[in-house]
Amino acid sequence: NIKQYLEFFDSEQIKIVLYEDLKNNPVRLVQDICQFLNVDQTFTITKNTYYNKGGMHKSKFLYTSLNKLRKYFNVFLKRFLPKKITKRIHSIYNSIRNSNLASPPKLIPEIRQQLIELYQEDILHLQDLIKRDLSNWLK
């Protein structure tokens, strides 16, 4: 997909960000993006809030119930409540949702190796395309 963008835009007009960049140094990443967009680089991240945290559900019942409540809230109640209250409700929802998550199981080494072999050519091609070292993805 990146190749298609590069057909229409100069590489200087495209900023490609990797998840590792965000994970390793979010403050620096935001500064880089601001610099790329030519906007104020003094913007800083003050809070790490994980709205879409991943993992396995400890309780399927709690997961299903929370989703039903969230949908009901968004359809019927959200428009009638002040924004301050809806933000607080979403914060509570995220807190409960995140507390119901356990770490996913580790990827089986044999499957990881199969995936590396399957995607190796694509990873190497992407590495050349974005001019970044992705050798870590092949380990």
C-alpha atoms as a PDB file:
ATOM      1  CA  ASN A   1       0.000   0.000   0.000  1.00  0.00           C
ATOM      2  CA  ILE A   2       2.853   2.408   0.725  1.00  0.00           C
ATOM      3  CA  LYS A   3       4.135   1.941  -2.797  1.00  0.00           C
ATOM      4  CA  GLN A   4       0.847   3.287  -4.162  1.00  0.00           C
ATOM      5  CA  TYR A   5       1.178   6.456  -2.078  1.00  0.00           C
ATOM      6  CA  LEU A   6       4.731   6.936  -3.285  1.00  0.00           C
ATOM      7  CA  GLU A   7       3.466   6.887  -6.867  1.00  0.00           C
ATOM      8  CA  PHE A   8       1.379  10.001  -6.184  1.00  0.00           C
ATOM      9  CA  PHE A   9       3.383  11.819  -3.510  1.00  0.00           C
ATOM     10  CA  ASP A  10       7.032  12.636  -3.018  1.00  0.00           C
ATOM     11  CA  SER A  11       8.646  10.717  -0.182  1.00  0.00           C
ATOM     12  CA  GLU A  12       9.172  14.038   1.623  1.00  0.00           C
ATOM     13  CA  GLN A  13       5.383  14.438   1.782  1.00  0.00           C
ATOM     14  CA  ILE A  14       4.841  11.129   3.565  1.00  0.00           C
ATOM     15  CA  LYS A  15       5.668  10.366   7.186  1.00  0.00           C
ATOM     16  CA  ILE A  16       5.786   6.654   7.943  1.00  0.00           C
ATOM     17  CA  VAL A  17       5.620   5.770  11.603  1.00  0.00           C
ATOM     18  CA  LEU A  18       6.168   2.338  13.060  1.00  0.00           C
ATOM     19  CA  TYR A  19       4.520   1.001  16.174  1.00  0.00           C
ATOM     20  CA  GLU A  20       7.982   0.545  17.693  1.00  0.00           C
ATOM     21  CA  ASP A  21       8.514   4.309  17.385  1.00  0.00           C
ATOM     22  CA  LEU A  22       5.384   4.966  19.397  1.00  0.00           C
ATOM     23  CA  LYS A  23       6.162   2.294  21.965  1.00  0.00           C
ATOM     24  CA  ASN A  24       9.831   3.202  22.461  1.00  0.00           C
ATOM     25  CA  ASN A  25       9.591   6.994  22.603  1.00  0.00           C
ATOM     26  CA  PRO A  26       6.121   8.510  22.211  1.00  0.00           C
ATOM     27  CA  VAL A  27       7.278  12.013  23.154  1.00  0.00           C
ATOM     28  CA  ARG A  28       9.972  12.013  20.480  1.00  0.00           C
ATOM     29  CA  LEU A  29       7.530  10.591  17.939  1.00  0.00           C
ATOM     30  CA  VAL A  30       5.020  13.387  18.554  1.00  0.00           C
ATOM     31  CA  GLN A  31       7.823  15.939  18.164  1.00  0.00           C
ATOM     32  CA  ASP A  32       8.896  14.312  14.885  1.00  0.00           C
ATOM     33  CA  ILE A  33       5.343  14.365  13.576  1.00  0.00           C
ATOM     34  CA  CYS A  34       4.922  18.010  14.588  1.00  0.00           C
ATOM     35  CA  GLN A  35       8.178  18.870  12.846  1.00  0.00           C
ATOM     36  CA  PHE A  36       7.081  16.961   9.741  1.00  0.00           C
ATOM     37  CA  LEU A  37       3.767  18.865   9.718  1.00  0.00           C
ATOM     38  CA  ASN A  38       5.592  22.124  10.397  1.00  0.00           C
ATOM     39  CA  VAL A  39       3.584  22.841  13.530  1.00  0.00           C
ATOM     40  CA  ASP A  40       4.566  23.738  17.086  1.00  0.00           C
ATOM     41  CA  GLN A  41       6.963  21.047  18.328  1.00  0.00           C
ATOM     42  CA  THR A  42       6.596  22.005  21.971  1.00  0.00           C
ATOM     43  CA  PHE A  43       3.427  19.933  22.199  1.00  0.00           C
ATOM     44  CA  THR A  44       3.970  17.162  24.726  1.00  0.00           C
ATOM     45  CA  ILE A  45       2.197  14.028  25.796  1.00  0.00           C
ATOM     46  CA  THR A  46       1.193  14.316  29.418  1.00  0.00           C
ATOM     47  CA  LYS A  47      -0.739  11.118  30.014  1.00  0.00           C
ATOM     48  CA  ASN A  48      -0.554   7.570  28.708  1.00  0.00           C
ATOM     49  CA  THR A  49      -4.159   6.480  28.423  1.00  0.00           C
ATOM     50  CA  TYR A  50      -4.764   3.201  26.650  1.00  0.00           C
ATOM     51  CA  TYR A  51      -8.187   3.344  25.037  1.00  0.00           C
ATOM     52  CA  ASN A  52      -7.854   0.238  22.945  1.00  0.00           C
ATOM     53  CA  LYS A  53      -5.634  -1.962  25.048  1.00  0.00           C
ATOM     54  CA  GLY A  54      -5.277  -5.494  23.736  1.00  0.00           C
ATOM     55  CA  GLY A  55      -5.320  -8.824  25.476  1.00  0.00           C
ATOM     56  CA  MET A  56      -7.451 -11.824  26.289  1.00  0.00           C
ATOM     57  CA  HIS A  57     -10.713 -11.403  28.170  1.00  0.00           C
ATOM     58  CA  LYS A  58     -10.646 -12.841  31.673  1.00  0.00           C
ATOM     59  CA  SER A  59     -14.438 -12.880  31.782  1.00  0.00           C
ATOM     60  CA  LYS A  60     -16.431 -13.289  28.578  1.00  0.00           C
ATOM     61  CA  PHE A  61     -19.596 -12.313  30.494  1.00  0.00           C
ATOM     62  CA  LEU A  62     -18.064  -9.014  31.651  1.00  0.00           C
ATOM     63  CA  TYR A  63     -16.747  -8.308  28.157  1.00  0.00           C
ATOM     64  CA  THR A  64     -20.169  -8.923  26.558  1.00  0.00           C
ATOM     65  CA  SER A  65     -22.006  -6.945  29.234  1.00  0.00           C
ATOM     66  CA  LEU A  66     -19.681  -3.959  28.897  1.00  0.00           C
ATOM     67  CA  ASN A  67     -20.109  -3.897  25.133  1.00  0.00           C
ATOM     68  CA  LYS A  68     -23.893  -3.993  25.438  1.00  0.00           C
ATOM     69  CA  LEU A  69     -23.829  -1.174  27.990  1.00  0.00           C
ATOM     70  CA  ARG A  70     -21.486   0.879  25.817  1.00  0.00           C
ATOM     71  CA  LYS A  71     -23.748   0.488  22.777  1.00  0.00           C
ATOM     72  CA  TYR A  72     -26.839   1.359  24.807  1.00  0.00           C
ATOM     73  CA  PHE A  73     -25.079   4.387  26.262  1.00  0.00           C
ATOM     74  CA  ASN A  74     -23.869   5.620  22.853  1.00  0.00           C
ATOM     75  CA  VAL A  75     -27.274   5.192  21.208  1.00  0.00           C
ATOM     76  CA  PHE A  76     -29.625   6.395  23.923  1.00  0.00           C
ATOM     77  CA  LEU A  77     -27.869   8.375  26.665  1.00  0.00           C
ATOM     78  CA  LYS A  78     -24.755  10.061  25.325  1.00  0.00           C
ATOM     79  CA  ARG A  79     -26.566  12.879  23.532  1.00  0.00           C
ATOM     80  CA  PHE A  80     -28.481  13.884  26.664  1.00  0.00           C
ATOM     81  CA  LEU A  81     -25.548  14.123  29.063  1.00  0.00           C
ATOM     82  CA  PRO A  82     -22.955  16.881  29.380  1.00  0.00           C
ATOM     83  CA  LYS A  83     -19.614  16.146  27.731  1.00  0.00           C
ATOM     84  CA  LYS A  84     -17.838  16.163  31.123  1.00  0.00           C
ATOM     85  CA  ILE A  85     -20.044  13.315  32.361  1.00  0.00           C
ATOM     86  CA  THR A  86     -19.745  11.294  29.154  1.00  0.00           C
ATOM     87  CA  LYS A  87     -15.943  11.578  29.344  1.00  0.00           C
ATOM     88  CA  ARG A  88     -16.020  10.319  32.930  1.00  0.00           C
ATOM     89  CA  ILE A  89     -18.280   7.408  31.962  1.00  0.00           C
ATOM     90  CA  HIS A  90     -15.951   6.471  29.103  1.00  0.00           C
ATOM     91  CA  SER A  91     -13.006   6.647  31.489  1.00  0.00           C
ATOM     92  CA  ILE A  92     -14.741   4.262  33.902  1.00  0.00           C
ATOM     93  CA  TYR A  93     -15.686   1.976  31.008  1.00  0.00           C
ATOM     94  CA  ASN A  94     -12.061   1.843  29.809  1.00  0.00           C
ATOM     95  CA  SER A  95     -10.790   1.193  33.316  1.00  0.00           C
ATOM     96  CA  ILE A  96     -13.163  -1.741  33.841  1.00  0.00           C
ATOM     97  CA  ARG A  97     -12.530  -3.056  30.322  1.00  0.00           C
ATOM     98  CA  ASN A  98      -8.748  -2.903  30.781  1.00  0.00           C
ATOM     99  CA  SER A  99      -8.930  -4.591  34.182  1.00  0.00           C
ATOM    100  CA  ASN A 100     -10.721  -7.501  32.482  1.00  0.00           C
ATOM    101  CA  LEU A 101      -7.778  -8.107  30.155  1.00  0.00           C
ATOM    102  CA  ALA A 102      -4.993 -10.621  30.605  1.00  0.00           C
ATOM    103  CA  SER A 103      -1.837 -10.812  28.529  1.00  0.00           C
ATOM    104  CA  PRO A 104      -2.302 -12.851  25.370  1.00  0.00           C
ATOM    105  CA  PRO A 105      -0.441 -16.153  25.171  1.00  0.00           C
ATOM    106  CA  LYS A 106       3.063 -16.075  23.716  1.00  0.00           C
ATOM    107  CA  LEU A 107       3.397 -16.893  20.054  1.00  0.00           C
ATOM    108  CA  ILE A 108       4.678 -20.431  19.542  1.00  0.00           C
ATOM    109  CA  PRO A 109       8.265 -20.191  18.179  1.00  0.00           C
ATOM    110  CA  GLU A 110       7.532 -22.574  15.292  1.00  0.00           C
ATOM    111  CA  ILE A 111       4.569 -20.477  14.167  1.00  0.00           C
ATOM    112  CA  ARG A 112       6.616 -17.284  14.515  1.00  0.00           C
ATOM    113  CA  GLN A 113       9.309 -18.801  12.296  1.00  0.00           C
ATOM    114  CA  GLN A 114       6.691 -19.789   9.702  1.00  0.00           C
ATOM    115  CA  LEU A 115       5.321 -16.250   9.692  1.00  0.00           C
ATOM    116  CA  ILE A 116       8.805 -14.777   9.304  1.00  0.00           C
ATOM    117  CA  GLU A 117       9.453 -17.047   6.352  1.00  0.00           C
ATOM    118  CA  LEU A 118       6.079 -16.193   4.843  1.00  0.00           C
ATOM    119  CA  TYR A 119       6.546 -12.417   5.168  1.00  0.00           C
ATOM    120  CA  GLN A 120      10.322 -12.125   4.831  1.00  0.00           C
ATOM    121  CA  GLU A 121      10.238 -10.885   1.249  1.00  0.00           C
ATOM    122  CA  ASP A 122       7.574  -8.286   2.091  1.00  0.00           C
ATOM    123  CA  ILE A 123       9.513  -7.103   5.147  1.00  0.00           C
ATOM    124  CA  LEU A 124      12.714  -6.713   3.136  1.00  0.00           C
ATOM    125  CA  HIS A 125      10.831  -4.861   0.420  1.00  0.00           C
ATOM    126  CA  LEU A 126       9.229  -2.541   2.988  1.00  0.00           C
ATOM    127  CA  GLN A 127      12.633  -1.972   4.579  1.00  0.00           C
ATOM    128  CA  ASP A 128      13.995  -0.771   1.233  1.00  0.00           C
ATOM    129  CA  LEU A 129      10.903   1.289   0.519  1.00  0.00           C
ATOM    130  CA  ILE A 130      10.908   3.222   3.801  1.00  0.00           C
ATOM    131  CA  LYS A 131      14.703   3.200   4.198  1.00  0.00           C
ATOM    132  CA  ARG A 132      14.576   1.821   7.737  1.00  0.00           C
ATOM    133  CA  ASP A 133      16.240  -1.188   9.276  1.00  0.00           C
ATOM    134  CA  LEU A 134      13.569  -3.823   9.927  1.00  0.00           C
ATOM    135  CA  SER A 135      15.951  -6.712  10.588  1.00  0.00           C
ATOM    136  CA  ASN A 136      14.476  -6.989  14.094  1.00  0.00           C
ATOM    137  CA  TRP A 137      11.216  -8.108  12.491  1.00  0.00           C
ATOM    138  CA  LEU A 138      13.032 -11.104  11.030  1.00  0.00           C
ATOM    139  CA  LYS A 139      14.344 -12.441  14.349  1.00  0.00           C
END
